[in-house]
Amino acid sequence: LALFTFCFFFYFFIHPSNVITFTTLKKIGSTVCVWGENCTLPCTFSFGNDILIHWYYETTRNVHSYYDNRDHLGQQISQFQKRTSLFHEEIPKGNASLLLMRVQVADEGPYLCYTSTISDSSRKNIDLQVEALVREVNVVRVNDSITCSSERIYPEPTLSWSIDPQQAHKPEVQVTEDQLYSISSTIVVNGSSNQN
């Protein structure tokens, strides 16, 4: 946030009528997990005997299974191998939450938590949204042009300037191998309408 503010005020000082804005869209009601960090997907159940817990991705793809008082990962899809865990000490308290480690963009989507005991069963749907915030903004001035850029952002951002659109080049967006976004935009300070 501090670096973003620097970019804002850097150009505001050059020309106070122009403002840089980065935006990303968020889904309402989603569980937001930060890219590269660990995240907990919440799930609770009414405790009973013979506990069974299944976590699925996109309804049928096995993420994590627990029964007979231990984990069973033989059917776990490769995407989640060595990246999931339950809170075993909390299971007797009705906590079936899943710890997802080193979150990736590919983890985004719908999850199903299925739990059952000898007396009850339940299904809970969780929508996971991955987010990689703007951490650094780079501003470079060359002659009459100023370029503002940022990288490793998710979901796909937009970048706009509060100026005559003829002064700003259309933002360029690129996707990295790990599905994060880089974005940049250039304006011409003297008002020239030359385009790339």
N, C-alpha and C. Protein backbone atom coordinates (compact mmCIF):
# COMPACT_ATOMS: atom_id res chain seq x y z
N LEU A 1 0.84 -1.21 0.00
CA LEU A 1 0.00 0.00 0.00
C LEU A 1 0.87 1.25 0.00
N ALA A 2 1.96 1.25 0.74
CA ALA A 2 2.83 2.41 0.79
C ALA A 2 3.46 2.69 -0.55
N LEU A 3 3.87 1.61 -1.27
CA LEU A 3 4.49 1.80 -2.57
C LEU A 3 3.47 2.27 -3.60
N PHE A 4 2.26 1.75 -3.50
CA PHE A 4 1.21 2.21 -4.39
C PHE A 4 0.96 3.71 -4.18
N THR A 5 0.94 4.14 -2.90
CA THR A 5 0.74 5.54 -2.60
C THR A 5 1.87 6.39 -3.17
N PHE A 6 3.10 5.85 -3.14
CA PHE A 6 4.24 6.58 -3.72
C PHE A 6 4.01 6.82 -5.20
N CYS A 7 3.54 5.79 -5.90
CA CYS A 7 3.28 5.96 -7.33
C CYS A 7 2.22 7.02 -7.55
N PHE A 8 1.19 6.99 -6.75
CA PHE A 8 0.11 7.95 -6.84
C PHE A 8 0.63 9.37 -6.67
N PHE A 9 1.37 9.59 -5.61
CA PHE A 9 1.82 10.95 -5.33
C PHE A 9 2.98 11.39 -6.22
N PHE A 10 3.74 10.43 -6.74
CA PHE A 10 4.83 10.77 -7.66
C PHE A 10 4.26 11.47 -8.88
N TYR A 11 3.21 10.87 -9.44
CA TYR A 11 2.67 11.50 -10.64
C TYR A 11 1.75 12.67 -10.30
N PHE A 12 1.11 12.60 -9.15
CA PHE A 12 0.27 13.72 -8.73
C PHE A 12 1.11 14.99 -8.61
N PHE A 13 2.33 14.84 -8.16
CA PHE A 13 3.22 15.99 -8.03
C PHE A 13 3.58 16.55 -9.41
N ILE A 14 3.76 15.66 -10.38
CA ILE A 14 4.12 16.11 -11.73
C ILE A 14 2.96 16.85 -12.39
N HIS A 15 1.77 16.31 -12.22
CA HIS A 15 0.60 16.92 -12.84
C HIS A 15 -0.61 16.60 -11.99
N PRO A 16 -1.07 17.52 -11.13
CA PRO A 16 -2.08 17.22 -10.11
C PRO A 16 -3.43 16.80 -10.64
N SER A 17 -3.69 16.91 -11.95
CA SER A 17 -4.99 16.49 -12.46
C SER A 17 -5.00 15.02 -12.86
N ASN A 18 -3.85 14.33 -12.74
CA ASN A 18 -3.74 12.95 -13.20
C ASN A 18 -3.56 12.00 -12.02
N VAL A 19 -4.32 10.92 -12.01
CA VAL A 19 -4.28 9.96 -10.91
C VAL A 19 -4.19 8.55 -11.48
N ILE A 20 -3.34 7.71 -10.87
CA ILE A 20 -3.20 6.32 -11.27
C ILE A 20 -4.08 5.46 -10.38
N THR A 21 -4.79 4.51 -10.98
CA THR A 21 -5.64 3.62 -10.20
C THR A 21 -5.44 2.18 -10.65
N PHE A 22 -5.12 1.27 -9.68
CA PHE A 22 -5.08 -0.16 -9.94
C PHE A 22 -6.33 -0.77 -9.31
N THR A 23 -7.01 -1.66 -10.02
CA THR A 23 -8.17 -2.33 -9.44
C THR A 23 -8.16 -3.80 -9.82
N THR A 24 -8.70 -4.64 -8.92
CA THR A 24 -8.94 -6.04 -9.20
C THR A 24 -10.35 -6.36 -8.70
N LEU A 25 -10.98 -7.39 -9.27
CA LEU A 25 -12.33 -7.76 -8.90
C LEU A 25 -12.32 -8.89 -7.88
N LYS A 26 -13.20 -8.79 -6.86
CA LYS A 26 -13.34 -9.83 -5.86
C LYS A 26 -14.75 -10.40 -5.90
N LYS A 27 -14.83 -11.71 -5.67
CA LYS A 27 -16.13 -12.36 -5.62
C LYS A 27 -16.72 -12.22 -4.22
N ILE A 28 -17.99 -11.89 -4.15
CA ILE A 28 -18.65 -11.75 -2.86
C ILE A 28 -18.95 -13.14 -2.30
N GLY A 29 -18.65 -13.32 -1.02
CA GLY A 29 -18.96 -14.58 -0.36
C GLY A 29 -17.89 -15.65 -0.52
N SER A 30 -16.75 -15.33 -1.10
CA SER A 30 -15.69 -16.30 -1.28
C SER A 30 -14.74 -16.31 -0.08
N THR A 31 -14.05 -17.44 0.09
CA THR A 31 -12.93 -17.49 1.02
C THR A 31 -11.70 -17.05 0.25
N VAL A 32 -11.09 -15.95 0.66
CA VAL A 32 -9.95 -15.39 -0.07
C VAL A 32 -8.65 -15.92 0.53
N CYS A 33 -7.81 -16.49 -0.33
CA CYS A 33 -6.51 -17.01 0.08
C CYS A 33 -5.43 -16.26 -0.68
N VAL A 34 -4.35 -15.94 0.01
CA VAL A 34 -3.25 -15.17 -0.60
C VAL A 34 -2.28 -16.12 -1.29
N TRP A 35 -1.96 -15.81 -2.53
CA TRP A 35 -1.06 -16.65 -3.33
C TRP A 35 0.27 -16.85 -2.60
N GLY A 36 0.73 -18.13 -2.56
CA GLY A 36 2.01 -18.46 -1.96
C GLY A 36 1.98 -18.66 -0.46
N GLU A 37 0.86 -18.33 0.19
CA GLU A 37 0.76 -18.48 1.64
C GLU A 37 -0.15 -19.65 1.99
N ASN A 38 -0.24 -19.97 3.28
CA ASN A 38 -1.14 -21.03 3.75
C ASN A 38 -2.52 -20.44 4.01
N CYS A 39 -3.55 -21.26 3.83
CA CYS A 39 -4.92 -20.77 3.98
C CYS A 39 -5.79 -21.88 4.56
N THR A 40 -6.73 -21.51 5.41
CA THR A 40 -7.64 -22.47 6.01
C THR A 40 -9.02 -22.37 5.38
N LEU A 41 -9.53 -23.50 4.90
CA LEU A 41 -10.90 -23.58 4.39
C LEU A 41 -11.77 -24.12 5.52
N PRO A 42 -12.73 -23.32 6.00
CA PRO A 42 -13.47 -23.70 7.21
C PRO A 42 -14.54 -24.76 6.95
N CYS A 43 -14.68 -25.67 7.91
CA CYS A 43 -15.75 -26.67 7.86
C CYS A 43 -15.95 -27.24 9.25
N THR A 44 -17.18 -27.26 9.72
CA THR A 44 -17.49 -27.83 11.03
C THR A 44 -18.60 -28.87 10.89
N PHE A 45 -18.72 -29.73 11.90
CA PHE A 45 -19.75 -30.77 11.88
C PHE A 45 -20.14 -31.12 13.30
N SER A 46 -21.24 -31.84 13.43
CA SER A 46 -21.70 -32.29 14.75
C SER A 46 -20.94 -33.56 15.12
N PHE A 47 -20.17 -33.47 16.18
CA PHE A 47 -19.29 -34.58 16.54
C PHE A 47 -20.08 -35.84 16.87
N GLY A 48 -19.50 -36.99 16.48
CA GLY A 48 -20.07 -38.29 16.79
C GLY A 48 -19.01 -39.35 16.58
N ASN A 49 -19.37 -40.59 16.69
CA ASN A 49 -18.45 -41.70 16.47
C ASN A 49 -18.31 -42.02 14.99
N ASP A 50 -17.23 -42.75 14.64
CA ASP A 50 -16.96 -43.16 13.26
C ASP A 50 -16.90 -41.95 12.32
N ILE A 51 -16.00 -41.05 12.61
CA ILE A 51 -15.89 -39.81 11.83
C ILE A 51 -15.26 -40.10 10.46
N LEU A 52 -15.88 -39.53 9.44
CA LEU A 52 -15.35 -39.59 8.09
C LEU A 52 -15.35 -38.18 7.52
N ILE A 53 -14.22 -37.79 6.94
CA ILE A 53 -14.10 -36.46 6.33
C ILE A 53 -13.52 -36.60 4.93
N HIS A 54 -14.21 -36.04 3.96
CA HIS A 54 -13.70 -35.99 2.58
C HIS A 54 -13.72 -34.54 2.12
N TRP A 55 -12.61 -34.08 1.59
CA TRP A 55 -12.56 -32.79 0.91
C TRP A 55 -12.39 -33.04 -0.58
N TYR A 56 -13.23 -32.34 -1.37
CA TYR A 56 -13.18 -32.49 -2.82
C TYR A 56 -13.00 -31.13 -3.48
N TYR A 57 -12.32 -31.15 -4.60
CA TYR A 57 -12.19 -29.96 -5.45
C TYR A 57 -13.03 -30.19 -6.70
N GLU A 58 -13.85 -29.20 -7.04
CA GLU A 58 -14.76 -29.32 -8.19
C GLU A 58 -15.60 -30.59 -8.06
N THR A 59 -16.11 -30.83 -6.86
CA THR A 59 -17.11 -31.86 -6.53
C THR A 59 -16.56 -33.28 -6.42
N THR A 60 -15.69 -33.69 -7.34
CA THR A 60 -15.32 -35.11 -7.38
C THR A 60 -13.82 -35.38 -7.23
N ARG A 61 -12.98 -34.36 -7.33
CA ARG A 61 -11.53 -34.59 -7.30
C ARG A 61 -11.04 -34.57 -5.85
N ASN A 62 -10.49 -35.69 -5.40
CA ASN A 62 -10.14 -35.84 -3.99
C ASN A 62 -8.98 -34.96 -3.58
N VAL A 63 -9.21 -34.18 -2.53
CA VAL A 63 -8.18 -33.29 -1.97
C VAL A 63 -7.59 -33.89 -0.70
N HIS A 64 -8.45 -34.42 0.18
CA HIS A 64 -7.98 -34.97 1.45
C HIS A 64 -9.08 -35.85 2.03
N SER A 65 -8.70 -37.00 2.57
CA SER A 65 -9.66 -37.90 3.21
C SER A 65 -9.16 -38.32 4.59
N TYR A 66 -10.11 -38.50 5.49
CA TYR A 66 -9.81 -38.92 6.86
C TYR A 66 -10.89 -39.88 7.33
N TYR A 67 -10.48 -41.04 7.79
CA TYR A 67 -11.40 -41.99 8.43
C TYR A 67 -10.55 -43.03 9.17
N ASP A 68 -11.19 -43.81 10.02
CA ASP A 68 -10.48 -44.77 10.89
C ASP A 68 -9.40 -44.06 11.71
N ASN A 69 -9.70 -42.80 12.09
CA ASN A 69 -8.82 -42.01 12.95
C ASN A 69 -7.46 -41.67 12.33
N ARG A 70 -7.39 -41.63 11.00
CA ARG A 70 -6.15 -41.22 10.35
C ARG A 70 -6.43 -40.74 8.93
N ASP A 71 -5.43 -40.06 8.36
CA ASP A 71 -5.53 -39.58 6.99
C ASP A 71 -5.40 -40.73 6.01
N HIS A 72 -6.10 -40.58 4.87
CA HIS A 72 -5.98 -41.52 3.76
C HIS A 72 -5.81 -40.68 2.49
N LEU A 73 -4.59 -40.70 1.95
CA LEU A 73 -4.27 -39.81 0.83
C LEU A 73 -3.98 -40.56 -0.47
N GLY A 74 -4.35 -41.82 -0.51
CA GLY A 74 -4.09 -42.63 -1.70
C GLY A 74 -4.81 -42.15 -2.94
N GLN A 75 -5.98 -41.52 -2.77
CA GLN A 75 -6.77 -41.03 -3.90
C GLN A 75 -6.58 -39.54 -4.15
N GLN A 76 -5.70 -38.91 -3.40
CA GLN A 76 -5.49 -37.47 -3.53
C GLN A 76 -4.90 -37.13 -4.90
N ILE A 77 -5.46 -36.12 -5.57
CA ILE A 77 -4.94 -35.73 -6.86
C ILE A 77 -3.59 -35.04 -6.69
N SER A 78 -2.74 -35.15 -7.71
CA SER A 78 -1.35 -34.72 -7.60
C SER A 78 -1.21 -33.23 -7.28
N GLN A 79 -2.17 -32.43 -7.71
CA GLN A 79 -2.11 -30.98 -7.48
C GLN A 79 -1.97 -30.63 -6.01
N PHE A 80 -2.52 -31.48 -5.13
CA PHE A 80 -2.56 -31.15 -3.70
C PHE A 80 -1.59 -31.98 -2.85
N GLN A 81 -0.79 -32.82 -3.49
CA GLN A 81 0.11 -33.67 -2.72
C GLN A 81 1.09 -32.85 -1.88
N LYS A 82 1.22 -33.23 -0.63
CA LYS A 82 2.10 -32.60 0.35
C LYS A 82 1.74 -31.14 0.62
N ARG A 83 0.47 -30.77 0.35
CA ARG A 83 0.07 -29.39 0.59
C ARG A 83 -1.21 -29.29 1.41
N THR A 84 -1.71 -30.39 1.95
CA THR A 84 -2.95 -30.34 2.72
C THR A 84 -2.77 -30.98 4.09
N SER A 85 -3.57 -30.51 5.03
CA SER A 85 -3.56 -31.07 6.38
C SER A 85 -4.86 -30.74 7.08
N LEU A 86 -5.30 -31.63 7.95
CA LEU A 86 -6.42 -31.34 8.84
C LEU A 86 -5.87 -30.96 10.21
N PHE A 87 -6.72 -30.37 11.03
CA PHE A 87 -6.34 -30.00 12.39
C PHE A 87 -6.77 -31.15 13.31
N HIS A 88 -5.93 -32.17 13.38
CA HIS A 88 -6.33 -33.42 14.02
C HIS A 88 -6.77 -33.25 15.46
N GLU A 89 -6.13 -32.36 16.19
CA GLU A 89 -6.51 -32.17 17.59
C GLU A 89 -7.88 -31.51 17.73
N GLU A 90 -8.35 -30.91 16.62
CA GLU A 90 -9.64 -30.22 16.64
C GLU A 90 -10.78 -31.09 16.11
N ILE A 91 -10.46 -32.19 15.48
CA ILE A 91 -11.51 -33.05 14.90
C ILE A 91 -12.51 -33.53 15.96
N PRO A 92 -12.06 -33.97 17.15
CA PRO A 92 -13.04 -34.37 18.18
C PRO A 92 -13.96 -33.24 18.63
N LYS A 93 -13.61 -32.00 18.29
CA LYS A 93 -14.45 -30.85 18.63
C LYS A 93 -15.37 -30.45 17.48
N GLY A 94 -15.37 -31.27 16.41
CA GLY A 94 -16.24 -30.97 15.28
C GLY A 94 -15.62 -30.05 14.24
N ASN A 95 -14.30 -29.97 14.20
CA ASN A 95 -13.62 -29.10 13.25
C ASN A 95 -13.00 -29.95 12.13
N ALA A 96 -13.53 -29.80 10.92
CA ALA A 96 -13.01 -30.54 9.77
C ALA A 96 -12.31 -29.61 8.78
N SER A 97 -11.91 -28.44 9.25
CA SER A 97 -11.29 -27.45 8.37
C SER A 97 -10.02 -28.00 7.72
N LEU A 98 -9.76 -27.52 6.50
CA LEU A 98 -8.61 -27.96 5.72
C LEU A 98 -7.56 -26.86 5.67
N LEU A 99 -6.32 -27.21 5.97
CA LEU A 99 -5.20 -26.29 5.80
C LEU A 99 -4.59 -26.56 4.43
N LEU A 100 -4.63 -25.55 3.57
CA LEU A 100 -4.05 -25.65 2.24
C LEU A 100 -2.78 -24.82 2.23
N MET A 101 -1.66 -25.45 1.93
CA MET A 101 -0.36 -24.79 2.02
C MET A 101 0.14 -24.33 0.65
N ARG A 102 0.88 -23.21 0.66
CA ARG A 102 1.49 -22.66 -0.55
C ARG A 102 0.46 -22.53 -1.67
N VAL A 103 -0.54 -21.72 -1.43
CA VAL A 103 -1.68 -21.58 -2.34
C VAL A 103 -1.22 -21.17 -3.74
N GLN A 104 -1.81 -21.80 -4.75
CA GLN A 104 -1.53 -21.53 -6.14
C GLN A 104 -2.78 -21.00 -6.83
N VAL A 105 -2.61 -20.35 -7.98
CA VAL A 105 -3.76 -19.88 -8.74
C VAL A 105 -4.65 -21.06 -9.14
N ALA A 106 -4.03 -22.18 -9.46
CA ALA A 106 -4.80 -23.36 -9.89
C ALA A 106 -5.71 -23.90 -8.80
N ASP A 107 -5.49 -23.48 -7.54
CA ASP A 107 -6.33 -23.95 -6.43
C ASP A 107 -7.68 -23.24 -6.40
N GLU A 108 -7.82 -22.17 -7.15
CA GLU A 108 -9.06 -21.38 -7.12
C GLU A 108 -10.23 -22.20 -7.66
N GLY A 109 -11.38 -22.05 -7.00
CA GLY A 109 -12.58 -22.74 -7.46
C GLY A 109 -13.41 -23.30 -6.32
N PRO A 110 -14.38 -24.15 -6.65
CA PRO A 110 -15.31 -24.68 -5.64
C PRO A 110 -14.76 -25.92 -4.93
N TYR A 111 -14.97 -25.95 -3.61
CA TYR A 111 -14.58 -27.10 -2.79
C TYR A 111 -15.82 -27.64 -2.06
N LEU A 112 -15.79 -28.92 -1.80
CA LEU A 112 -16.86 -29.57 -1.04
C LEU A 112 -16.26 -30.26 0.17
N CYS A 113 -16.80 -29.94 1.34
CA CYS A 113 -16.41 -30.63 2.58
C CYS A 113 -17.55 -31.58 2.95
N TYR A 114 -17.28 -32.87 2.88
CA TYR A 114 -18.28 -33.88 3.26
C TYR A 114 -17.85 -34.53 4.57
N THR A 115 -18.75 -34.52 5.54
CA THR A 115 -18.47 -35.16 6.82
C THR A 115 -19.60 -36.10 7.19
N SER A 116 -19.25 -37.16 7.88
CA SER A 116 -20.29 -38.07 8.37
C SER A 116 -19.84 -38.73 9.66
N THR A 117 -20.81 -39.08 10.49
CA THR A 117 -20.58 -39.85 11.71
C THR A 117 -21.63 -40.95 11.73
N ILE A 118 -21.65 -41.73 12.78
CA ILE A 118 -22.62 -42.81 12.88
C ILE A 118 -24.05 -42.30 12.93
N SER A 119 -24.20 -40.98 13.29
CA SER A 119 -25.56 -40.45 13.46
C SER A 119 -25.92 -39.30 12.54
N ASP A 120 -24.95 -38.79 11.74
CA ASP A 120 -25.24 -37.59 10.96
C ASP A 120 -24.26 -37.49 9.79
N SER A 121 -24.64 -36.69 8.79
CA SER A 121 -23.75 -36.37 7.68
C SER A 121 -24.08 -34.97 7.17
N SER A 122 -23.11 -34.31 6.57
CA SER A 122 -23.36 -32.97 6.05
C SER A 122 -22.42 -32.67 4.88
N ARG A 123 -22.84 -31.70 4.05
CA ARG A 123 -22.04 -31.23 2.92
C ARG A 123 -21.97 -29.71 3.01
N LYS A 124 -20.78 -29.17 2.84
CA LYS A 124 -20.61 -27.72 2.85
C LYS A 124 -19.76 -27.30 1.66
N ASN A 125 -20.24 -26.30 0.95
CA ASN A 125 -19.55 -25.79 -0.23
C ASN A 125 -18.75 -24.54 0.12
N ILE A 126 -17.54 -24.49 -0.34
CA ILE A 126 -16.66 -23.33 -0.12
C ILE A 126 -16.08 -22.91 -1.46
N ASP A 127 -16.19 -21.64 -1.77
CA ASP A 127 -15.60 -21.11 -3.01
C ASP A 127 -14.30 -20.40 -2.65
N LEU A 128 -13.20 -20.90 -3.17
CA LEU A 128 -11.89 -20.33 -2.87
C LEU A 128 -11.49 -19.35 -3.96
N GLN A 129 -11.13 -18.14 -3.56
CA GLN A 129 -10.61 -17.14 -4.49
C GLN A 129 -9.18 -16.83 -4.11
N VAL A 130 -8.30 -16.89 -5.09
CA VAL A 130 -6.88 -16.58 -4.88
C VAL A 130 -6.65 -15.10 -5.13
N GLU A 131 -5.77 -14.52 -4.32
CA GLU A 131 -5.48 -13.10 -4.45
C GLU A 131 -3.98 -12.88 -4.26
N ALA A 132 -3.38 -12.12 -5.16
CA ALA A 132 -2.00 -11.66 -5.02
C ALA A 132 -2.05 -10.14 -5.13
N LEU A 133 -1.84 -9.46 -4.02
CA LEU A 133 -2.03 -8.02 -3.96
C LEU A 133 -0.89 -7.27 -4.65
N VAL A 134 -1.17 -6.02 -5.01
CA VAL A 134 -0.13 -5.14 -5.53
C VAL A 134 0.85 -4.85 -4.40
N ARG A 135 2.09 -5.29 -4.54
CA ARG A 135 3.10 -5.11 -3.50
C ARG A 135 4.09 -4.00 -3.84
N GLU A 136 4.27 -3.77 -5.13
CA GLU A 136 5.24 -2.75 -5.53
C GLU A 136 4.79 -2.13 -6.84
N VAL A 137 4.93 -0.83 -6.94
CA VAL A 137 4.61 -0.09 -8.17
C VAL A 137 5.87 0.63 -8.62
N ASN A 138 6.19 0.47 -9.89
CA ASN A 138 7.38 1.09 -10.46
C ASN A 138 6.98 2.23 -11.38
N VAL A 139 7.59 3.39 -11.19
CA VAL A 139 7.33 4.56 -12.02
C VAL A 139 8.64 5.01 -12.66
N VAL A 140 8.64 5.08 -13.98
CA VAL A 140 9.85 5.49 -14.70
C VAL A 140 9.50 6.61 -15.67
N ARG A 141 10.27 7.70 -15.62
CA ARG A 141 10.06 8.80 -16.55
C ARG A 141 11.24 8.88 -17.53
N VAL A 142 10.92 8.88 -18.82
CA VAL A 142 11.92 9.04 -19.87
C VAL A 142 11.44 10.16 -20.79
N ASN A 143 12.14 11.28 -20.75
CA ASN A 143 11.76 12.46 -21.53
C ASN A 143 10.32 12.87 -21.17
N ASP A 144 9.41 12.83 -22.14
CA ASP A 144 8.04 13.27 -21.89
C ASP A 144 7.09 12.12 -21.53
N SER A 145 7.64 10.92 -21.38
CA SER A 145 6.79 9.75 -21.10
C SER A 145 6.99 9.24 -19.68
N ILE A 146 5.90 8.85 -19.05
CA ILE A 146 5.95 8.23 -17.73
C ILE A 146 5.27 6.87 -17.82
N THR A 147 6.00 5.84 -17.36
CA THR A 147 5.45 4.48 -17.36
C THR A 147 5.24 4.02 -15.93
N CYS A 148 4.06 3.54 -15.65
CA CYS A 148 3.73 2.99 -14.33
C CYS A 148 3.44 1.50 -14.51
N SER A 149 4.05 0.65 -13.68
CA SER A 149 3.88 -0.79 -13.84
C SER A 149 3.91 -1.50 -12.50
N SER A 150 3.35 -2.69 -12.50
CA SER A 150 3.40 -3.56 -11.33
C SER A 150 3.33 -5.00 -11.83
N GLU A 151 3.77 -5.95 -11.01
CA GLU A 151 3.81 -7.33 -11.46
C GLU A 151 3.42 -8.30 -10.35
N ARG A 152 3.17 -9.56 -10.79
CA ARG A 152 2.80 -10.65 -9.89
C ARG A 152 1.54 -10.31 -9.10
N ILE A 153 0.47 -10.01 -9.85
CA ILE A 153 -0.83 -9.64 -9.29
C ILE A 153 -1.87 -10.68 -9.70
N TYR A 154 -2.85 -10.92 -8.85
CA TYR A 154 -3.98 -11.78 -9.20
C TYR A 154 -5.17 -11.40 -8.34
N PRO A 155 -6.40 -11.38 -8.89
CA PRO A 155 -6.76 -11.65 -10.28
C PRO A 155 -6.31 -10.54 -11.23
N GLU A 156 -6.66 -10.68 -12.51
CA GLU A 156 -6.18 -9.74 -13.51
C GLU A 156 -6.57 -8.30 -13.15
N PRO A 157 -5.60 -7.41 -13.07
CA PRO A 157 -5.89 -6.02 -12.67
C PRO A 157 -6.18 -5.14 -13.88
N THR A 158 -6.69 -3.96 -13.59
CA THR A 158 -6.79 -2.90 -14.59
C THR A 158 -5.99 -1.72 -14.08
N LEU A 159 -5.53 -0.88 -15.00
CA LEU A 159 -4.76 0.29 -14.62
C LEU A 159 -5.29 1.47 -15.44
N SER A 160 -5.62 2.54 -14.76
CA SER A 160 -6.18 3.69 -15.46
C SER A 160 -5.61 4.98 -14.92
N TRP A 161 -5.63 6.00 -15.77
CA TRP A 161 -5.20 7.35 -15.41
C TRP A 161 -6.41 8.27 -15.58
N SER A 162 -6.58 9.22 -14.67
CA SER A 162 -7.71 10.15 -14.79
C SER A 162 -7.29 11.34 -15.66
N ILE A 163 -7.05 11.05 -16.94
CA ILE A 163 -6.64 12.07 -17.90
C ILE A 163 -7.34 11.83 -19.22
N ASP A 164 -7.09 12.68 -20.18
CA ASP A 164 -7.57 12.47 -21.54
C ASP A 164 -7.02 11.14 -22.04
N PRO A 165 -7.87 10.18 -22.43
CA PRO A 165 -7.40 8.86 -22.86
C PRO A 165 -6.38 8.93 -24.00
N GLN A 166 -6.39 10.00 -24.77
CA GLN A 166 -5.44 10.12 -25.88
C GLN A 166 -4.00 10.24 -25.38
N GLN A 167 -3.82 10.63 -24.12
CA GLN A 167 -2.48 10.78 -23.58
C GLN A 167 -1.90 9.47 -23.05
N ALA A 168 -2.75 8.49 -22.83
CA ALA A 168 -2.30 7.23 -22.21
C ALA A 168 -2.34 6.09 -23.21
N HIS A 169 -1.25 5.31 -23.26
CA HIS A 169 -1.24 4.11 -24.06
C HIS A 169 -2.09 3.04 -23.37
N LYS A 170 -2.71 2.19 -24.13
CA LYS A 170 -3.51 1.10 -23.56
C LYS A 170 -2.62 0.22 -22.68
N PRO A 171 -3.06 -0.10 -21.46
CA PRO A 171 -2.24 -0.94 -20.57
C PRO A 171 -1.88 -2.27 -21.22
N GLU A 172 -0.64 -2.69 -21.01
CA GLU A 172 -0.18 -3.99 -21.49
C GLU A 172 -0.22 -4.98 -20.33
N VAL A 173 -0.84 -6.13 -20.56
CA VAL A 173 -0.98 -7.16 -19.53
C VAL A 173 -0.29 -8.43 -20.00
N GLN A 174 0.53 -9.00 -19.14
CA GLN A 174 1.20 -10.27 -19.43
C GLN A 174 0.94 -11.25 -18.31
N VAL A 175 0.99 -12.55 -18.65
CA VAL A 175 0.74 -13.62 -17.67
C VAL A 175 2.03 -14.41 -17.46
N THR A 176 2.40 -14.62 -16.20
CA THR A 176 3.60 -15.37 -15.87
C THR A 176 3.31 -16.87 -15.90
N GLU A 177 4.36 -17.68 -15.75
CA GLU A 177 4.19 -19.13 -15.76
C GLU A 177 3.32 -19.61 -14.61
N ASP A 178 3.35 -18.91 -13.49
CA ASP A 178 2.51 -19.31 -12.36
C ASP A 178 1.16 -18.60 -12.35
N GLN A 179 0.76 -18.07 -13.51
CA GLN A 179 -0.58 -17.52 -13.75
C GLN A 179 -0.85 -16.20 -13.02
N LEU A 180 0.20 -15.50 -12.65
CA LEU A 180 0.05 -14.16 -12.09
C LEU A 180 0.18 -13.14 -13.23
N TYR A 181 -0.26 -11.92 -12.97
CA TYR A 181 -0.32 -10.90 -14.01
C TYR A 181 0.69 -9.79 -13.75
N SER A 182 1.24 -9.26 -14.86
CA SER A 182 2.04 -8.03 -14.85
C SER A 182 1.31 -7.03 -15.73
N ILE A 183 1.34 -5.75 -15.33
CA ILE A 183 0.62 -4.72 -16.07
C ILE A 183 1.44 -3.44 -16.11
N SER A 184 1.34 -2.71 -17.23
CA SER A 184 2.05 -1.43 -17.35
C SER A 184 1.28 -0.50 -18.27
N SER A 185 1.46 0.79 -18.05
CA SER A 185 0.81 1.79 -18.89
C SER A 185 1.70 3.02 -18.96
N THR A 186 1.67 3.69 -20.11
CA THR A 186 2.51 4.87 -20.33
C THR A 186 1.64 6.07 -20.71
N ILE A 187 1.98 7.23 -20.17
CA ILE A 187 1.33 8.46 -20.59
C ILE A 187 2.39 9.43 -21.11
N VAL A 188 1.95 10.38 -21.93
CA VAL A 188 2.82 11.41 -22.46
C VAL A 188 2.50 12.70 -21.73
N VAL A 189 3.47 13.23 -21.01
CA VAL A 189 3.25 14.37 -20.13
C VAL A 189 2.87 15.62 -20.91
N ASN A 190 3.47 15.82 -22.10
CA ASN A 190 3.21 17.07 -22.83
C ASN A 190 1.90 17.06 -23.60
N GLY A 191 1.14 15.95 -23.44
CA GLY A 191 -0.17 15.91 -24.10
C GLY A 191 -0.14 15.39 -25.51
N SER A 192 1.02 14.94 -25.99
CA SER A 192 1.08 14.39 -27.33
C SER A 192 0.21 13.15 -27.44
N SER A 193 -0.40 12.94 -28.57
CA SER A 193 -1.29 11.80 -28.74
C SER A 193 -0.61 10.65 -29.47
N ASN A 194 0.72 10.67 -29.57
CA ASN A 194 1.44 9.58 -30.23
C ASN A 194 1.18 8.27 -29.49
N GLN A 195 0.97 7.23 -30.21
CA GLN A 195 0.70 5.92 -29.63
C GLN A 195 1.81 4.95 -30.02
N ASN A 196 1.92 3.82 -29.24
CA ASN A 196 2.90 2.79 -29.58
C ASN A 196 2.49 2.10 -30.87
